[in-house]
N, C-alpha and C. Protein backbone atom coordinates (compact mmCIF):
# COMPACT_ATOMS: atom_id res chain seq x y z
N MET A 1 0.41 -1.20 0.07
CA MET A 1 -0.25 -0.03 0.34
C MET A 1 0.48 1.55 0.03
N LYS A 2 2.05 1.23 0.11
CA LYS A 2 3.13 2.19 0.19
C LYS A 2 2.60 3.22 -0.80
N ILE A 3 2.48 2.91 -2.12
CA ILE A 3 2.14 3.70 -3.23
C ILE A 3 1.18 4.21 -3.23
N ASN A 4 0.12 3.98 -2.42
CA ASN A 4 -0.80 4.62 -2.34
C ASN A 4 -1.51 4.90 -0.98
N GLU A 5 -0.22 5.10 0.03
CA GLU A 5 -0.30 5.36 1.29
C GLU A 5 -1.39 6.73 1.92
N ASN A 6 -1.06 7.68 0.78
CA ASN A 6 -1.57 9.08 1.21
C ASN A 6 -3.05 8.99 -0.13
N THR A 7 -3.52 7.93 -0.56
CA THR A 7 -4.82 8.12 -1.74
C THR A 7 -5.85 8.29 -1.06
N LEU A 8 -6.86 9.25 -1.14
CA LEU A 8 -8.34 9.55 -0.77
C LEU A 8 -9.14 9.26 -1.80
N LEU A 9 -9.93 8.59 -2.05
CA LEU A 9 -11.10 8.47 -2.99
C LEU A 9 -12.08 8.62 -2.37
N GLU A 10 -12.98 9.82 -3.67
CA GLU A 10 -13.85 10.62 -2.77
C GLU A 10 -15.15 10.39 -4.28
N GLY A 11 -16.18 9.62 -3.43
CA GLY A 11 -17.55 9.54 -4.46
C GLY A 11 -18.38 10.17 -3.99
N HIS A 12 -20.02 9.95 -4.41
CA HIS A 12 -21.26 11.19 -3.85
C HIS A 12 -21.43 11.18 -2.61
N ARG A 13 -21.17 10.03 -2.02
CA ARG A 13 -21.77 9.68 -0.55
C ARG A 13 -20.70 9.05 0.41
N VAL A 14 -19.56 8.41 -0.35
CA VAL A 14 -18.79 8.54 0.72
C VAL A 14 -17.36 8.28 0.28
N VAL A 15 -15.98 8.55 0.99
CA VAL A 15 -14.94 9.17 1.17
C VAL A 15 -13.84 7.53 1.38
N LEU A 16 -13.15 6.83 0.54
CA LEU A 16 -12.21 5.33 1.24
C LEU A 16 -10.96 6.67 1.42
N VAL A 17 -10.42 6.00 2.72
CA VAL A 17 -9.20 6.76 3.14
C VAL A 17 -8.38 5.02 3.12
N PRO A 18 -6.96 5.16 3.20
CA PRO A 18 -6.05 4.51 3.69
C PRO A 18 -6.23 3.86 4.71
N TYR A 19 -5.95 2.37 5.09
CA TYR A 19 -6.55 1.96 6.84
C TYR A 19 -5.08 2.11 7.58
N ASN A 20 -5.59 2.58 8.49
CA ASN A 20 -4.60 3.50 9.22
C ASN A 20 -4.54 3.07 10.39
N VAL A 21 -3.28 3.25 11.79
CA VAL A 21 -3.46 2.15 12.95
C VAL A 21 -4.37 2.89 13.30
N ASN A 22 -4.55 4.11 13.67
CA ASN A 22 -5.91 4.77 14.34
C ASN A 22 -6.99 4.20 14.03
N HIS A 23 -7.44 3.37 12.77
CA HIS A 23 -8.59 2.70 12.70
C HIS A 23 -8.81 1.22 13.09
N VAL A 24 -7.78 0.91 13.46
CA VAL A 24 -7.60 -0.68 14.09
C VAL A 24 -8.72 -0.66 15.12
N PRO A 25 -8.93 0.10 16.30
CA PRO A 25 -9.74 -0.45 17.12
C PRO A 25 -11.06 -0.58 16.62
N ARG A 26 -11.39 0.07 15.64
CA ARG A 26 -12.85 0.31 15.57
C ARG A 26 -12.83 -1.15 14.78
N TYR A 27 -12.18 -1.06 13.59
CA TYR A 27 -12.19 -2.06 12.40
C TYR A 27 -12.29 -3.43 13.65
N HIS A 28 -11.65 -3.53 14.71
CA HIS A 28 -11.30 -5.12 15.71
C HIS A 28 -12.57 -5.29 15.72
N GLU A 29 -13.27 -4.21 16.34
CA GLU A 29 -14.57 -4.36 17.07
C GLU A 29 -15.76 -5.21 15.82
N TRP A 30 -15.32 -4.56 14.55
CA TRP A 30 -16.41 -4.61 13.84
C TRP A 30 -16.02 -6.70 13.22
N MET A 31 -15.02 -7.01 13.03
CA MET A 31 -14.40 -8.16 12.89
C MET A 31 -14.71 -9.10 13.59
N LYS A 32 -15.08 -8.67 15.38
CA LYS A 32 -15.99 -9.95 16.23
C LYS A 32 -16.92 -10.58 15.51
N SER A 33 -17.77 -9.39 14.54
CA SER A 33 -18.99 -9.92 14.26
C SER A 33 -19.02 -11.41 13.21
N PRO A 34 -19.70 -12.38 13.67
CA PRO A 34 -19.51 -13.54 13.06
C PRO A 34 -19.68 -13.41 11.58
N GLU A 35 -20.98 -12.59 11.18
CA GLU A 35 -21.09 -12.35 10.08
C GLU A 35 -19.89 -12.13 8.69
N LEU A 36 -19.54 -10.83 9.69
CA LEU A 36 -18.14 -10.00 9.11
C LEU A 36 -17.05 -11.38 8.64
N GLN A 37 -16.95 -11.79 10.01
CA GLN A 37 -16.11 -13.35 9.53
C GLN A 37 -16.36 -14.08 8.02
N GLN A 38 -17.59 -14.53 8.23
CA GLN A 38 -17.63 -15.24 7.23
C GLN A 38 -18.30 -14.78 5.86
N LEU A 39 -18.19 -13.45 5.58
CA LEU A 39 -18.32 -12.75 4.59
C LEU A 39 -17.05 -12.46 3.72
N THR A 40 -16.00 -12.76 5.02
CA THR A 40 -14.68 -12.01 4.56
C THR A 40 -13.50 -13.02 4.72
N ALA A 41 -14.29 -14.53 5.16
CA ALA A 41 -13.59 -15.12 5.30
C ALA A 41 -12.19 -15.27 6.48
N SER A 42 -12.46 -14.58 7.42
CA SER A 42 -11.81 -14.03 8.23
C SER A 42 -12.05 -14.83 9.56
N GLU A 43 -10.67 -15.00 10.12
CA GLU A 43 -10.37 -16.06 11.77
C GLU A 43 -10.36 -14.70 12.69
N PRO A 44 -11.05 -14.51 13.82
CA PRO A 44 -10.79 -13.86 14.72
C PRO A 44 -9.41 -13.47 15.42
N LEU A 45 -9.04 -12.33 15.56
CA LEU A 45 -7.77 -11.89 15.77
C LEU A 45 -7.76 -11.17 16.81
N THR A 46 -6.68 -10.95 17.88
CA THR A 46 -6.52 -10.51 19.40
C THR A 46 -6.51 -9.11 18.45
N LEU A 47 -6.59 -7.87 19.29
CA LEU A 47 -5.74 -6.70 19.34
C LEU A 47 -4.47 -6.19 18.75
N ASP A 48 -3.69 -7.27 19.28
CA ASP A 48 -2.39 -6.96 18.97
C ASP A 48 -2.03 -7.51 17.50
N GLN A 49 -3.08 -8.67 17.51
CA GLN A 49 -2.92 -8.99 16.36
C GLN A 49 -3.43 -8.04 14.78
N GLU A 50 -4.47 -7.69 15.28
CA GLU A 50 -5.15 -6.76 14.39
C GLU A 50 -4.03 -5.77 14.08
N TYR A 51 -2.91 -4.80 15.07
CA TYR A 51 -2.28 -4.13 15.00
C TYR A 51 -1.13 -4.36 13.80
N ASP A 52 -1.08 -5.77 14.50
CA ASP A 52 -0.36 -6.19 13.17
C ASP A 52 -0.02 -6.30 11.89
N MET A 53 -1.41 -6.60 11.56
CA MET A 53 -1.93 -7.06 10.67
C MET A 53 -2.42 -5.68 9.92
N GLN A 54 -2.47 -4.31 10.45
CA GLN A 54 -2.67 -3.23 9.67
C GLN A 54 -1.10 -2.77 9.29
N LYS A 55 -0.20 -3.12 10.13
CA LYS A 55 1.25 -3.25 10.10
C LYS A 55 1.37 -3.74 8.61
N SER A 56 1.23 -5.01 8.19
CA SER A 56 1.77 -5.71 7.27
C SER A 56 1.45 -5.13 5.82
N TRP A 57 -0.21 -4.80 5.75
CA TRP A 57 -0.86 -4.31 4.92
C TRP A 57 -0.49 -2.93 4.40
N ARG A 58 0.33 -2.43 5.27
CA ARG A 58 0.06 -0.96 5.35
C ARG A 58 1.70 -0.89 4.07
N GLU A 59 2.75 -1.84 4.87
CA GLU A 59 3.95 -2.16 4.67
C GLU A 59 4.41 -3.20 2.89
N ASP A 60 2.99 -3.10 2.68
CA ASP A 60 2.92 -4.50 1.70
C ASP A 60 2.82 -3.69 0.49
N ASP A 61 3.61 -3.86 -0.66
CA ASP A 61 3.60 -3.39 -2.15
C ASP A 61 2.55 -3.61 -2.89
N ASP A 62 1.93 -4.55 -2.46
CA ASP A 62 0.92 -5.70 -3.29
C ASP A 62 -0.47 -5.07 -2.53
N LYS A 63 -0.40 -4.48 -1.61
CA LYS A 63 -2.16 -4.49 -1.10
C LYS A 63 -2.29 -3.15 -1.15
N CYS A 64 -3.77 -2.85 -0.87
CA CYS A 64 -4.50 -1.48 -0.75
C CYS A 64 -5.63 -1.67 -0.26
N THR A 65 -5.60 -1.46 1.05
CA THR A 65 -6.65 -1.43 1.81
C THR A 65 -7.38 -0.24 2.42
N PHE A 66 -8.98 -0.02 2.04
CA PHE A 66 -9.54 1.32 2.96
C PHE A 66 -10.48 1.07 3.79
N ILE A 67 -10.30 1.93 4.18
CA ILE A 67 -11.91 2.10 5.48
C ILE A 67 -12.90 3.03 4.32
N ILE A 68 -13.95 2.74 4.95
CA ILE A 68 -15.20 3.66 4.00
C ILE A 68 -15.51 4.49 4.76
N LEU A 69 -15.86 5.91 4.58
CA LEU A 69 -15.81 7.08 5.45
C LEU A 69 -17.29 7.53 5.17
N ASP A 70 -18.65 7.76 5.94
CA ASP A 70 -19.38 8.53 5.43
C ASP A 70 -19.41 10.07 5.16
N LYS A 71 -19.39 10.69 3.58
CA LYS A 71 -18.53 11.50 3.41
C LYS A 71 -19.28 12.77 3.77
N GLN A 72 -20.41 12.93 4.16
CA GLN A 72 -21.14 13.75 4.77
C GLN A 72 -21.01 14.31 6.62
N ARG A 73 -20.55 13.44 7.13
CA ARG A 73 -19.94 13.13 8.38
C ARG A 73 -18.49 13.68 8.37
N TRP A 74 -17.97 12.98 7.48
CA TRP A 74 -16.03 13.53 7.21
C TRP A 74 -15.90 14.75 6.97
N ALA A 75 -17.21 15.33 6.42
CA ALA A 75 -16.80 16.94 5.92
C ALA A 75 -17.17 17.48 7.24
N ASP A 76 -17.79 17.13 8.01
CA ASP A 76 -18.38 18.10 9.23
C ASP A 76 -17.38 17.91 10.58
N PRO A 77 -16.40 19.13 10.38
CA PRO A 77 -15.31 18.67 11.38
C PRO A 77 -15.62 18.70 12.73
N SER A 78 -17.15 19.17 13.12
CA SER A 78 -17.87 18.59 14.96
C SER A 78 -17.70 17.31 15.16
N VAL A 79 -17.52 16.29 14.08
CA VAL A 79 -18.01 14.91 13.89
C VAL A 79 -16.56 14.34 14.13
N GLU A 80 -16.45 13.54 15.32
CA GLU A 80 -15.04 12.68 15.42
C GLU A 80 -15.44 11.48 14.85
N GLU A 81 -13.57 11.18 14.22
CA GLU A 81 -13.83 10.10 13.21
C GLU A 81 -14.30 8.97 13.55
N GLU A 82 -14.47 8.55 14.98
CA GLU A 82 -14.99 7.06 15.09
C GLU A 82 -16.26 7.28 14.75
N GLN A 83 -16.71 8.02 14.43
CA GLN A 83 -18.64 8.33 14.54
C GLN A 83 -19.14 8.37 12.77
N TYR A 84 -17.93 8.61 11.94
CA TYR A 84 -17.86 8.23 10.57
C TYR A 84 -17.22 7.36 9.76
N LEU A 85 -16.91 6.51 10.92
CA LEU A 85 -16.57 5.18 10.00
C LEU A 85 -17.61 4.13 9.72
N SER A 86 -17.31 3.50 8.76
CA SER A 86 -18.59 2.25 7.90
C SER A 86 -17.39 1.14 8.04
N PRO A 87 -18.30 -0.04 8.34
CA PRO A 87 -17.23 -1.25 8.14
C PRO A 87 -17.35 -1.68 6.80
N PRO A 88 -16.12 -2.52 6.43
CA PRO A 88 -15.85 -2.42 5.21
C PRO A 88 -16.89 -3.57 4.26
N GLN A 89 -17.81 -4.14 4.87
CA GLN A 89 -18.74 -4.64 4.61
C GLN A 89 -19.97 -4.34 4.55
N HIS A 90 -20.11 -2.97 4.66
CA HIS A 90 -21.48 -2.11 5.02
C HIS A 90 -22.48 -2.83 4.16
N HIS A 91 -22.43 -2.74 2.98
CA HIS A 91 -23.72 -2.90 1.97
C HIS A 91 -23.40 -4.54 1.43
N LYS A 92 -24.72 -5.27 1.56
CA LYS A 92 -24.40 -6.48 1.65
C LYS A 92 -26.19 -6.67 0.60
N HIS A 93 -25.74 -6.73 -0.88
CA HIS A 93 -26.65 -6.93 -1.80
C HIS A 93 -27.86 -5.89 -1.70
N GLY A 94 -27.10 -4.60 -1.77
CA GLY A 94 -27.68 -3.29 -1.87
C GLY A 94 -28.16 -2.42 -0.74
N LYS A 95 -28.48 -3.73 0.31
CA LYS A 95 -28.79 -3.15 1.15
C LYS A 95 -27.76 -2.91 2.99
N GLU A 96 -28.49 -1.92 3.55
CA GLU A 96 -27.46 -1.70 4.40
C GLU A 96 -27.72 -3.11 5.82
N MET A 97 -26.43 -3.26 6.02
CA MET A 97 -26.25 -4.29 6.83
C MET A 97 -26.91 -4.11 8.38
N GLN A 98 -27.49 -4.81 9.13
CA GLN A 98 -28.39 -4.67 10.00
C GLN A 98 -27.55 -4.14 11.04
N GLY A 99 -27.34 -3.26 12.30
CA GLY A 99 -26.20 -3.31 13.10
C GLY A 99 -25.23 -2.06 12.58
N TYR A 100 -25.15 -1.57 11.21
CA TYR A 100 -23.94 -1.41 10.90
C TYR A 100 -24.37 0.07 10.36
N PRO A 101 -25.27 1.08 10.43
CA PRO A 101 -26.08 2.18 10.37
C PRO A 101 -24.75 3.11 9.41
N LEU A 102 -25.02 3.60 8.32
CA LEU A 102 -24.38 4.49 7.47
C LEU A 102 -24.91 5.95 7.89
């Protein structure tokens, strides 16, 4: 991801930002979901393992991992970053996943 470490992709409703160390705690909470584990073919990790994974993805030249942000909340400086993050598998078959409102 090194080549894209400062890349930001902006759409009409969402913004994609590189998966950074400050995203790890929230991402770790999402990945406790059995549904997300199944959808991503992922095994549960400890928080320390999640930090190690983020670091390896960040340093890997062949990976490009982004976190989805709600564009409207992202543009509002009064909203803390924690509140505008959306899980990576937020939309499933065109519908919002239960428990993960955007």
